[in-house]
């Protein structure tokens, strides 16, 4: 099971990375197009704001999952710096448990948000709003998988 989970994790990291890059390019192109249309032709695209906002939401949440997998989120080095090795392990285990609970909370609250907005549609693109809110539970599931796949131990300068 562990080997299968680590393989899945590596595959997800590749998919997430390409997805975030694609979404970043999409946001950049759409915003540039919007500015050009507004100032060069005095005609703002009605759909570009929604596309850029929706892509940014997905990019942010998938990026947060990638950051967690790479241990790129902030830590409290000043707090744990002077702790004994055993106390540090306990503090790290507690922090990982809190992060896991938060990730599971993202999954369940995200599913509730999707359920609440299932009938709503966006004004310009006429997309289901639940599709936008789906980024929350997807990100939570990705975070849980990253943690269960062997979330690497903290490597900090002690």
N, C-alpha and C. Protein backbone atom coordinates (compact mmCIF):
# COMPACT_ATOMS: atom_id res chain seq x y z
N UNK A 1 0.83 -1.20 0.00
CA UNK A 1 0.00 0.00 0.00
C UNK A 1 0.86 1.25 0.00
N UNK A 2 1.91 1.27 0.77
CA UNK A 2 2.75 2.45 0.87
C UNK A 2 3.43 2.77 -0.46
N UNK A 3 3.92 1.74 -1.16
CA UNK A 3 4.56 1.97 -2.46
C UNK A 3 3.55 2.52 -3.46
N UNK A 4 2.33 1.96 -3.44
CA UNK A 4 1.27 2.42 -4.33
C UNK A 4 0.93 3.88 -4.03
N UNK A 5 0.86 4.23 -2.75
CA UNK A 5 0.53 5.59 -2.34
C UNK A 5 1.63 6.57 -2.73
N UNK A 6 2.87 6.17 -2.59
CA UNK A 6 3.99 7.04 -2.98
C UNK A 6 4.01 7.25 -4.49
N UNK A 7 3.69 6.21 -5.26
CA UNK A 7 3.62 6.34 -6.71
C UNK A 7 2.48 7.28 -7.10
N UNK A 8 1.33 7.11 -6.47
CA UNK A 8 0.20 8.00 -6.71
C UNK A 8 0.57 9.44 -6.37
N UNK A 9 1.27 9.62 -5.24
CA UNK A 9 1.67 10.94 -4.81
C UNK A 9 2.58 11.60 -5.85
N UNK A 10 3.56 10.85 -6.36
CA UNK A 10 4.46 11.41 -7.38
C UNK A 10 3.69 11.80 -8.64
N UNK A 11 2.76 10.96 -9.05
CA UNK A 11 1.94 11.26 -10.22
C UNK A 11 1.10 12.52 -9.98
N UNK A 12 0.50 12.61 -8.81
CA UNK A 12 -0.32 13.79 -8.48
C UNK A 12 0.51 15.06 -8.46
N UNK A 13 1.73 14.98 -7.96
CA UNK A 13 2.60 16.17 -7.92
C UNK A 13 2.87 16.66 -9.34
N UNK A 14 3.13 15.73 -10.26
CA UNK A 14 3.36 16.12 -11.66
C UNK A 14 2.10 16.76 -12.25
N UNK A 15 0.95 16.12 -12.02
CA UNK A 15 -0.31 16.66 -12.54
C UNK A 15 -0.60 18.03 -11.94
N UNK A 16 -0.42 18.16 -10.64
CA UNK A 16 -0.68 19.44 -9.98
C UNK A 16 0.25 20.53 -10.50
N UNK A 17 1.51 20.19 -10.70
CA UNK A 17 2.47 21.18 -11.18
C UNK A 17 2.08 21.69 -12.56
N UNK A 18 1.77 20.78 -13.47
CA UNK A 18 1.35 21.20 -14.81
C UNK A 18 0.02 21.96 -14.76
N UNK A 19 -0.86 21.56 -13.89
CA UNK A 19 -2.14 22.25 -13.76
C UNK A 19 -1.94 23.68 -13.28
N UNK A 20 -1.12 23.86 -12.26
CA UNK A 20 -0.86 25.21 -11.72
C UNK A 20 -0.19 26.08 -12.78
N UNK A 21 0.76 25.52 -13.51
CA UNK A 21 1.42 26.29 -14.57
C UNK A 21 0.40 26.67 -15.64
N UNK A 22 -0.43 25.72 -16.05
CA UNK A 22 -1.45 26.02 -17.06
C UNK A 22 -2.43 27.08 -16.60
N UNK A 23 -2.84 26.99 -15.34
CA UNK A 23 -3.76 27.99 -14.80
C UNK A 23 -3.10 29.36 -14.70
N UNK A 24 -1.83 29.40 -14.33
CA UNK A 24 -1.11 30.67 -14.26
C UNK A 24 -1.01 31.32 -15.64
N UNK A 25 -0.70 30.52 -16.64
CA UNK A 25 -0.64 31.04 -18.01
C UNK A 25 -2.02 31.53 -18.45
N UNK A 26 -3.05 30.77 -18.14
CA UNK A 26 -4.41 31.16 -18.51
C UNK A 26 -4.80 32.49 -17.86
N UNK A 27 -4.54 32.62 -16.57
CA UNK A 27 -4.86 33.87 -15.87
C UNK A 27 -4.10 35.03 -16.49
N UNK A 28 -2.82 34.84 -16.77
CA UNK A 28 -2.01 35.91 -17.34
C UNK A 28 -2.52 36.33 -18.72
N UNK A 29 -2.80 35.36 -19.57
CA UNK A 29 -3.27 35.68 -20.93
C UNK A 29 -4.64 36.35 -20.89
N UNK A 30 -5.53 35.83 -20.07
CA UNK A 30 -6.89 36.39 -20.01
C UNK A 30 -6.87 37.81 -19.45
N UNK A 31 -6.08 38.06 -18.43
CA UNK A 31 -6.01 39.41 -17.87
C UNK A 31 -5.37 40.37 -18.87
N UNK A 32 -4.33 39.93 -19.55
CA UNK A 32 -3.70 40.76 -20.58
C UNK A 32 -4.69 41.06 -21.71
N UNK A 33 -5.44 40.05 -22.11
CA UNK A 33 -6.46 40.25 -23.13
C UNK A 33 -7.52 41.24 -22.66
N UNK A 34 -7.93 41.12 -21.41
CA UNK A 34 -8.94 42.03 -20.85
C UNK A 34 -8.43 43.47 -20.86
N UNK A 35 -7.21 43.67 -20.45
CA UNK A 35 -6.64 45.03 -20.43
C UNK A 35 -6.56 45.57 -21.85
N UNK A 36 -6.09 44.74 -22.78
CA UNK A 36 -6.01 45.18 -24.17
C UNK A 36 -7.37 45.53 -24.74
N UNK A 37 -8.35 44.69 -24.50
CA UNK A 37 -9.69 44.95 -25.02
C UNK A 37 -10.29 46.22 -24.41
N UNK A 38 -10.04 46.42 -23.13
CA UNK A 38 -10.62 47.57 -22.45
C UNK A 38 -9.99 48.88 -22.92
N UNK A 39 -8.66 48.91 -23.03
CA UNK A 39 -7.98 50.17 -23.34
C UNK A 39 -7.75 50.40 -24.82
N UNK A 40 -7.60 49.36 -25.61
CA UNK A 40 -7.37 49.56 -27.04
C UNK A 40 -8.67 49.66 -27.83
N UNK A 41 -9.66 48.87 -27.43
CA UNK A 41 -10.91 48.84 -28.20
C UNK A 41 -12.11 49.36 -27.42
N UNK A 42 -11.91 49.76 -26.17
CA UNK A 42 -12.99 50.26 -25.31
C UNK A 42 -14.14 49.26 -25.20
N UNK A 43 -13.79 47.96 -25.24
CA UNK A 43 -14.79 46.91 -25.13
C UNK A 43 -14.27 45.84 -24.17
N UNK A 44 -14.70 45.88 -22.92
CA UNK A 44 -14.24 44.85 -21.99
C UNK A 44 -14.97 43.52 -22.23
N UNK A 45 -14.23 42.45 -22.17
CA UNK A 45 -14.84 41.13 -22.30
C UNK A 45 -15.68 40.84 -21.06
N UNK A 46 -16.90 40.43 -21.22
CA UNK A 46 -17.73 40.15 -20.04
C UNK A 46 -17.31 38.86 -19.32
N UNK A 47 -16.62 37.95 -19.99
CA UNK A 47 -16.29 36.65 -19.44
C UNK A 47 -14.90 36.59 -18.81
N UNK A 48 -14.04 37.54 -19.15
CA UNK A 48 -12.63 37.42 -18.74
C UNK A 48 -12.44 37.53 -17.22
N UNK A 49 -13.25 38.34 -16.57
CA UNK A 49 -13.10 38.47 -15.12
C UNK A 49 -13.43 37.15 -14.42
N UNK A 50 -14.48 36.49 -14.88
CA UNK A 50 -14.84 35.20 -14.27
C UNK A 50 -13.79 34.14 -14.56
N UNK A 51 -13.30 34.08 -15.77
CA UNK A 51 -12.29 33.08 -16.11
C UNK A 51 -11.06 33.27 -15.24
N UNK A 52 -10.59 34.51 -15.15
CA UNK A 52 -9.38 34.75 -14.35
C UNK A 52 -9.62 34.48 -12.87
N UNK A 53 -10.78 34.84 -12.35
CA UNK A 53 -11.07 34.60 -10.93
C UNK A 53 -11.18 33.10 -10.64
N UNK A 54 -11.91 32.38 -11.48
CA UNK A 54 -12.08 30.95 -11.26
C UNK A 54 -10.76 30.20 -11.38
N UNK A 55 -9.97 30.56 -12.38
CA UNK A 55 -8.65 29.93 -12.54
C UNK A 55 -7.74 30.27 -11.36
N UNK A 56 -7.82 31.49 -10.86
CA UNK A 56 -6.99 31.90 -9.73
C UNK A 56 -7.36 31.12 -8.48
N UNK A 57 -8.64 30.90 -8.27
CA UNK A 57 -9.08 30.13 -7.11
C UNK A 57 -8.52 28.71 -7.17
N UNK A 58 -8.68 28.06 -8.32
CA UNK A 58 -8.16 26.70 -8.48
C UNK A 58 -6.65 26.68 -8.35
N UNK A 59 -5.98 27.64 -8.96
CA UNK A 59 -4.52 27.70 -8.91
C UNK A 59 -4.03 27.87 -7.46
N UNK A 60 -4.69 28.72 -6.70
CA UNK A 60 -4.29 28.96 -5.32
C UNK A 60 -4.43 27.71 -4.45
N UNK A 61 -5.54 27.03 -4.59
CA UNK A 61 -5.78 25.86 -3.74
C UNK A 61 -4.93 24.66 -4.15
N UNK A 62 -4.74 24.47 -5.43
CA UNK A 62 -3.85 23.38 -5.86
C UNK A 62 -2.40 23.74 -5.51
N UNK A 63 -2.06 25.01 -5.64
CA UNK A 63 -0.72 25.46 -5.24
C UNK A 63 -0.48 25.27 -3.75
N UNK A 64 -1.52 25.47 -2.94
CA UNK A 64 -1.38 25.23 -1.50
C UNK A 64 -1.10 23.76 -1.22
N UNK A 65 -1.75 22.88 -1.98
CA UNK A 65 -1.50 21.45 -1.83
C UNK A 65 -0.06 21.11 -2.21
N UNK A 66 0.40 21.68 -3.31
CA UNK A 66 1.80 21.45 -3.72
C UNK A 66 2.78 21.99 -2.68
N UNK A 67 2.47 23.15 -2.15
CA UNK A 67 3.35 23.74 -1.13
C UNK A 67 3.40 22.85 0.11
N UNK A 68 2.27 22.25 0.48
CA UNK A 68 2.27 21.36 1.62
C UNK A 68 3.09 20.11 1.35
N UNK A 69 2.98 19.58 0.14
CA UNK A 69 3.74 18.38 -0.21
C UNK A 69 5.24 18.66 -0.15
N UNK A 70 5.62 19.86 -0.50
CA UNK A 70 7.05 20.24 -0.52
C UNK A 70 7.51 20.87 0.78
N UNK A 71 6.60 20.94 1.74
CA UNK A 71 6.92 21.55 3.03
C UNK A 71 7.34 23.02 2.87
N UNK A 72 6.67 23.72 1.99
CA UNK A 72 7.03 25.10 1.70
C UNK A 72 6.21 26.11 2.51
N UNK A 73 5.24 25.64 3.28
CA UNK A 73 4.48 26.56 4.13
C UNK A 73 5.35 27.00 5.29
N UNK A 74 4.96 28.09 5.90
CA UNK A 74 5.76 28.63 6.99
C UNK A 74 5.76 27.69 8.19
N UNK A 75 6.80 27.80 8.97
CA UNK A 75 6.91 27.03 10.21
C UNK A 75 7.32 27.97 11.33
N UNK A 76 7.26 27.47 12.53
CA UNK A 76 7.62 28.28 13.68
C UNK A 76 9.00 27.89 14.17
N UNK A 77 10.00 28.18 13.37
CA UNK A 77 11.38 27.82 13.70
C UNK A 77 11.84 28.43 15.02
N UNK A 78 11.46 29.65 15.25
CA UNK A 78 11.88 30.33 16.49
C UNK A 78 11.31 29.64 17.72
N UNK A 79 10.13 29.10 17.59
CA UNK A 79 9.48 28.44 18.72
C UNK A 79 10.13 27.08 18.98
N UNK A 80 10.42 26.34 17.92
CA UNK A 80 10.92 24.97 18.09
C UNK A 80 12.44 24.89 18.12
N UNK A 81 13.13 25.96 17.87
CA UNK A 81 14.59 25.94 17.76
C UNK A 81 15.27 25.42 19.01
N UNK A 82 14.83 25.83 20.17
CA UNK A 82 15.50 25.48 21.42
C UNK A 82 14.89 24.27 22.12
N UNK A 83 13.97 23.58 21.47
CA UNK A 83 13.37 22.40 22.09
C UNK A 83 14.31 21.20 22.00
N UNK A 84 14.10 20.28 22.91
CA UNK A 84 14.88 19.04 22.85
C UNK A 84 14.40 18.22 21.64
N UNK A 85 15.23 17.31 21.13
CA UNK A 85 14.81 16.52 19.96
C UNK A 85 13.48 15.78 20.18
N UNK A 86 13.30 15.23 21.36
CA UNK A 86 12.05 14.51 21.65
C UNK A 86 10.86 15.47 21.63
N UNK A 87 11.00 16.62 22.25
CA UNK A 87 9.92 17.61 22.29
C UNK A 87 9.64 18.13 20.88
N UNK A 88 10.68 18.28 20.07
CA UNK A 88 10.50 18.70 18.69
C UNK A 88 9.66 17.69 17.90
N UNK A 89 9.96 16.40 18.11
CA UNK A 89 9.19 15.36 17.42
C UNK A 89 7.72 15.41 17.83
N UNK A 90 7.49 15.62 19.13
CA UNK A 90 6.11 15.71 19.62
C UNK A 90 5.41 16.93 19.00
N UNK A 91 6.10 18.06 18.97
CA UNK A 91 5.53 19.29 18.39
C UNK A 91 5.25 19.10 16.90
N UNK A 92 6.17 18.43 16.20
CA UNK A 92 5.97 18.18 14.77
C UNK A 92 4.80 17.24 14.53
N UNK A 93 4.69 16.20 15.36
CA UNK A 93 3.58 15.26 15.23
C UNK A 93 2.25 15.96 15.49
N UNK A 94 2.23 16.84 16.49
CA UNK A 94 1.02 17.61 16.78
C UNK A 94 0.67 18.52 15.60
N UNK A 95 1.68 19.19 15.04
CA UNK A 95 1.44 20.09 13.91
C UNK A 95 0.91 19.31 12.70
N UNK A 96 1.47 18.14 12.45
CA UNK A 96 1.00 17.33 11.33
C UNK A 96 -0.43 16.84 11.56
N UNK A 97 -0.77 16.52 12.78
CA UNK A 97 -2.14 16.10 13.09
C UNK A 97 -3.12 17.26 12.85
N UNK A 98 -2.73 18.45 13.25
CA UNK A 98 -3.58 19.62 13.03
C UNK A 98 -3.76 19.87 11.53
N UNK A 99 -2.68 19.76 10.77
CA UNK A 99 -2.76 19.95 9.32
C UNK A 99 -3.66 18.89 8.69
N UNK A 100 -3.53 17.66 9.13
CA UNK A 100 -4.38 16.59 8.61
C UNK A 100 -5.85 16.86 8.92
N UNK A 101 -6.14 17.30 10.14
CA UNK A 101 -7.53 17.63 10.50
C UNK A 101 -8.04 18.79 9.66
N UNK A 102 -7.20 19.80 9.43
CA UNK A 102 -7.60 20.93 8.60
C UNK A 102 -7.88 20.47 7.17
N UNK A 103 -7.05 19.58 6.65
CA UNK A 103 -7.25 19.07 5.29
C UNK A 103 -8.57 18.32 5.18
N UNK A 104 -8.87 17.50 6.18
CA UNK A 104 -10.16 16.79 6.19
C UNK A 104 -11.32 17.77 6.33
N UNK A 105 -11.12 18.83 7.09
CA UNK A 105 -12.14 19.87 7.22
C UNK A 105 -12.38 20.54 5.86
N UNK A 106 -11.31 20.76 5.10
CA UNK A 106 -11.46 21.32 3.76
C UNK A 106 -12.33 20.41 2.88
N UNK A 107 -12.09 19.13 2.98
CA UNK A 107 -12.85 18.17 2.17
C UNK A 107 -14.34 18.26 2.52
N UNK A 108 -14.66 18.16 3.79
CA UNK A 108 -16.07 18.11 4.18
C UNK A 108 -16.78 19.45 4.01
N UNK A 109 -16.14 20.55 4.37
CA UNK A 109 -16.79 21.86 4.17
C UNK A 109 -16.88 22.20 2.69
N UNK A 110 -15.89 21.79 1.92
CA UNK A 110 -15.95 22.02 0.48
C UNK A 110 -17.11 21.28 -0.17
N UNK A 111 -17.34 20.05 0.28
CA UNK A 111 -18.48 19.29 -0.24
C UNK A 111 -19.80 19.94 0.15
N UNK A 112 -19.86 20.48 1.36
CA UNK A 112 -21.07 21.20 1.78
C UNK A 112 -21.29 22.46 0.95
N UNK A 113 -20.21 23.20 0.68
CA UNK A 113 -20.31 24.39 -0.17
C UNK A 113 -20.81 24.02 -1.57
N UNK A 114 -20.29 22.92 -2.09
CA UNK A 114 -20.74 22.48 -3.41
C UNK A 114 -22.23 22.14 -3.39
N UNK A 115 -22.65 21.48 -2.33
CA UNK A 115 -24.06 21.10 -2.22
C UNK A 115 -24.96 22.34 -2.12
N UNK A 116 -24.49 23.36 -1.38
CA UNK A 116 -25.28 24.58 -1.23
C UNK A 116 -25.41 25.36 -2.53
N UNK A 117 -24.41 25.26 -3.40
CA UNK A 117 -24.40 26.07 -4.62
C UNK A 117 -24.68 25.24 -5.87
N UNK A 118 -25.21 24.05 -5.71
CA UNK A 118 -25.38 23.14 -6.83
C UNK A 118 -26.27 23.72 -7.93
N UNK A 119 -27.22 24.54 -7.61
CA UNK A 119 -28.13 25.09 -8.63
C UNK A 119 -27.72 26.44 -9.17
N UNK A 120 -26.72 27.07 -8.57
CA UNK A 120 -26.32 28.42 -8.99
C UNK A 120 -25.39 28.36 -10.18
N UNK A 121 -25.48 29.40 -11.02
CA UNK A 121 -24.62 29.47 -12.19
C UNK A 121 -23.96 30.85 -12.23
N UNK A 122 -22.77 30.90 -12.81
CA UNK A 122 -22.06 32.17 -12.91
C UNK A 122 -22.75 33.06 -13.94
N UNK A 123 -22.61 34.36 -13.77
CA UNK A 123 -23.37 35.28 -14.61
C UNK A 123 -22.83 35.37 -16.04
N UNK A 124 -21.55 35.40 -16.23
CA UNK A 124 -21.02 35.60 -17.58
C UNK A 124 -20.82 34.29 -18.34
N UNK A 125 -20.28 33.28 -17.69
CA UNK A 125 -19.97 32.02 -18.36
C UNK A 125 -21.09 30.99 -18.25
N UNK A 126 -22.01 31.22 -17.34
CA UNK A 126 -23.10 30.28 -17.07
C UNK A 126 -22.58 28.91 -16.62
N UNK A 127 -21.45 28.91 -15.91
CA UNK A 127 -20.90 27.68 -15.35
C UNK A 127 -21.49 27.43 -13.97
N UNK A 128 -21.60 26.18 -13.57
CA UNK A 128 -22.07 25.92 -12.20
C UNK A 128 -21.07 26.46 -11.17
N UNK A 129 -21.56 27.20 -10.21
CA UNK A 129 -20.70 27.76 -9.17
C UNK A 129 -20.09 26.63 -8.34
N UNK A 130 -20.79 25.51 -8.26
CA UNK A 130 -20.26 24.35 -7.52
C UNK A 130 -18.94 23.89 -8.13
N UNK A 131 -18.75 24.11 -9.41
CA UNK A 131 -17.49 23.75 -10.08
C UNK A 131 -16.33 24.56 -9.50
N UNK A 132 -16.58 25.80 -9.18
CA UNK A 132 -15.54 26.65 -8.57
C UNK A 132 -15.26 26.18 -7.15
N UNK A 133 -16.33 25.91 -6.40
CA UNK A 133 -16.16 25.45 -5.02
C UNK A 133 -15.57 24.04 -4.94
N UNK A 134 -15.59 23.31 -6.03
CA UNK A 134 -14.99 21.97 -6.04
C UNK A 134 -13.48 22.03 -5.78
N UNK A 135 -12.88 23.18 -5.99
CA UNK A 135 -11.44 23.34 -5.72
C UNK A 135 -11.12 23.09 -4.25
N UNK A 136 -12.04 23.40 -3.36
CA UNK A 136 -11.79 23.24 -1.92
C UNK A 136 -11.67 21.77 -1.53
N UNK A 137 -12.65 20.91 -1.82
CA UNK A 137 -12.45 19.51 -1.43
C UNK A 137 -11.36 18.81 -2.23
N UNK A 138 -11.17 19.20 -3.49
CA UNK A 138 -10.09 18.59 -4.28
C UNK A 138 -8.74 18.90 -3.63
N UNK A 139 -8.56 20.14 -3.24
CA UNK A 139 -7.32 20.52 -2.57
C UNK A 139 -7.15 19.76 -1.25
N UNK A 140 -8.23 19.62 -0.50
CA UNK A 140 -8.17 18.89 0.76
C UNK A 140 -7.79 17.43 0.55
N UNK A 141 -8.37 16.79 -0.46
CA UNK A 141 -8.04 15.40 -0.75
C UNK A 141 -6.57 15.28 -1.16
N UNK A 142 -6.11 16.20 -1.99
CA UNK A 142 -4.70 16.17 -2.40
C UNK A 142 -3.78 16.32 -1.19
N UNK A 143 -4.14 17.21 -0.28
CA UNK A 143 -3.32 17.39 0.92
C UNK A 143 -3.28 16.12 1.77
N UNK A 144 -4.42 15.47 1.91
CA UNK A 144 -4.47 14.23 2.69
C UNK A 144 -3.60 13.17 2.03
N UNK A 145 -3.70 13.03 0.72
CA UNK A 145 -2.87 12.04 0.01
C UNK A 145 -1.39 12.35 0.20
N UNK A 146 -1.02 13.62 0.08
CA UNK A 146 0.39 14.00 0.27
C UNK A 146 0.87 13.64 1.67
N UNK A 147 0.01 13.85 2.65
CA UNK A 147 0.42 13.53 4.02
C UNK A 147 0.53 12.02 4.23
N UNK A 148 -0.45 11.28 3.75
CA UNK A 148 -0.45 9.84 3.94
C UNK A 148 0.65 9.14 3.14
N UNK A 149 1.11 9.79 2.09
CA UNK A 149 2.14 9.19 1.23
C UNK A 149 3.52 9.29 1.84
N UNK A 150 3.60 9.78 3.04
CA UNK A 150 4.91 9.82 3.69
C UNK A 150 5.47 11.22 3.78
N UNK A 151 4.59 12.16 3.91
CA UNK A 151 4.93 13.53 4.21
C UNK A 151 6.33 13.56 4.80
N UNK A 152 7.32 14.05 4.08
CA UNK A 152 8.71 13.94 4.51
C UNK A 152 8.97 14.65 5.84
N UNK A 153 9.89 14.11 6.63
CA UNK A 153 10.18 14.77 7.90
C UNK A 153 10.76 16.15 7.69
N UNK A 154 10.55 17.00 8.66
CA UNK A 154 11.06 18.37 8.58
C UNK A 154 12.59 18.33 8.57
N UNK A 155 13.15 19.04 7.61
CA UNK A 155 14.60 19.15 7.54
C UNK A 155 14.94 20.62 7.73
N UNK A 156 15.21 20.97 8.93
CA UNK A 156 15.54 22.35 9.25
C UNK A 156 16.94 22.38 9.87
N UNK A 157 17.54 23.53 9.78
CA UNK A 157 18.86 23.70 10.41
C UNK A 157 18.67 23.78 11.92
N UNK A 158 19.20 22.81 12.62
CA UNK A 158 19.05 22.79 14.09
C UNK A 158 20.28 23.35 14.77
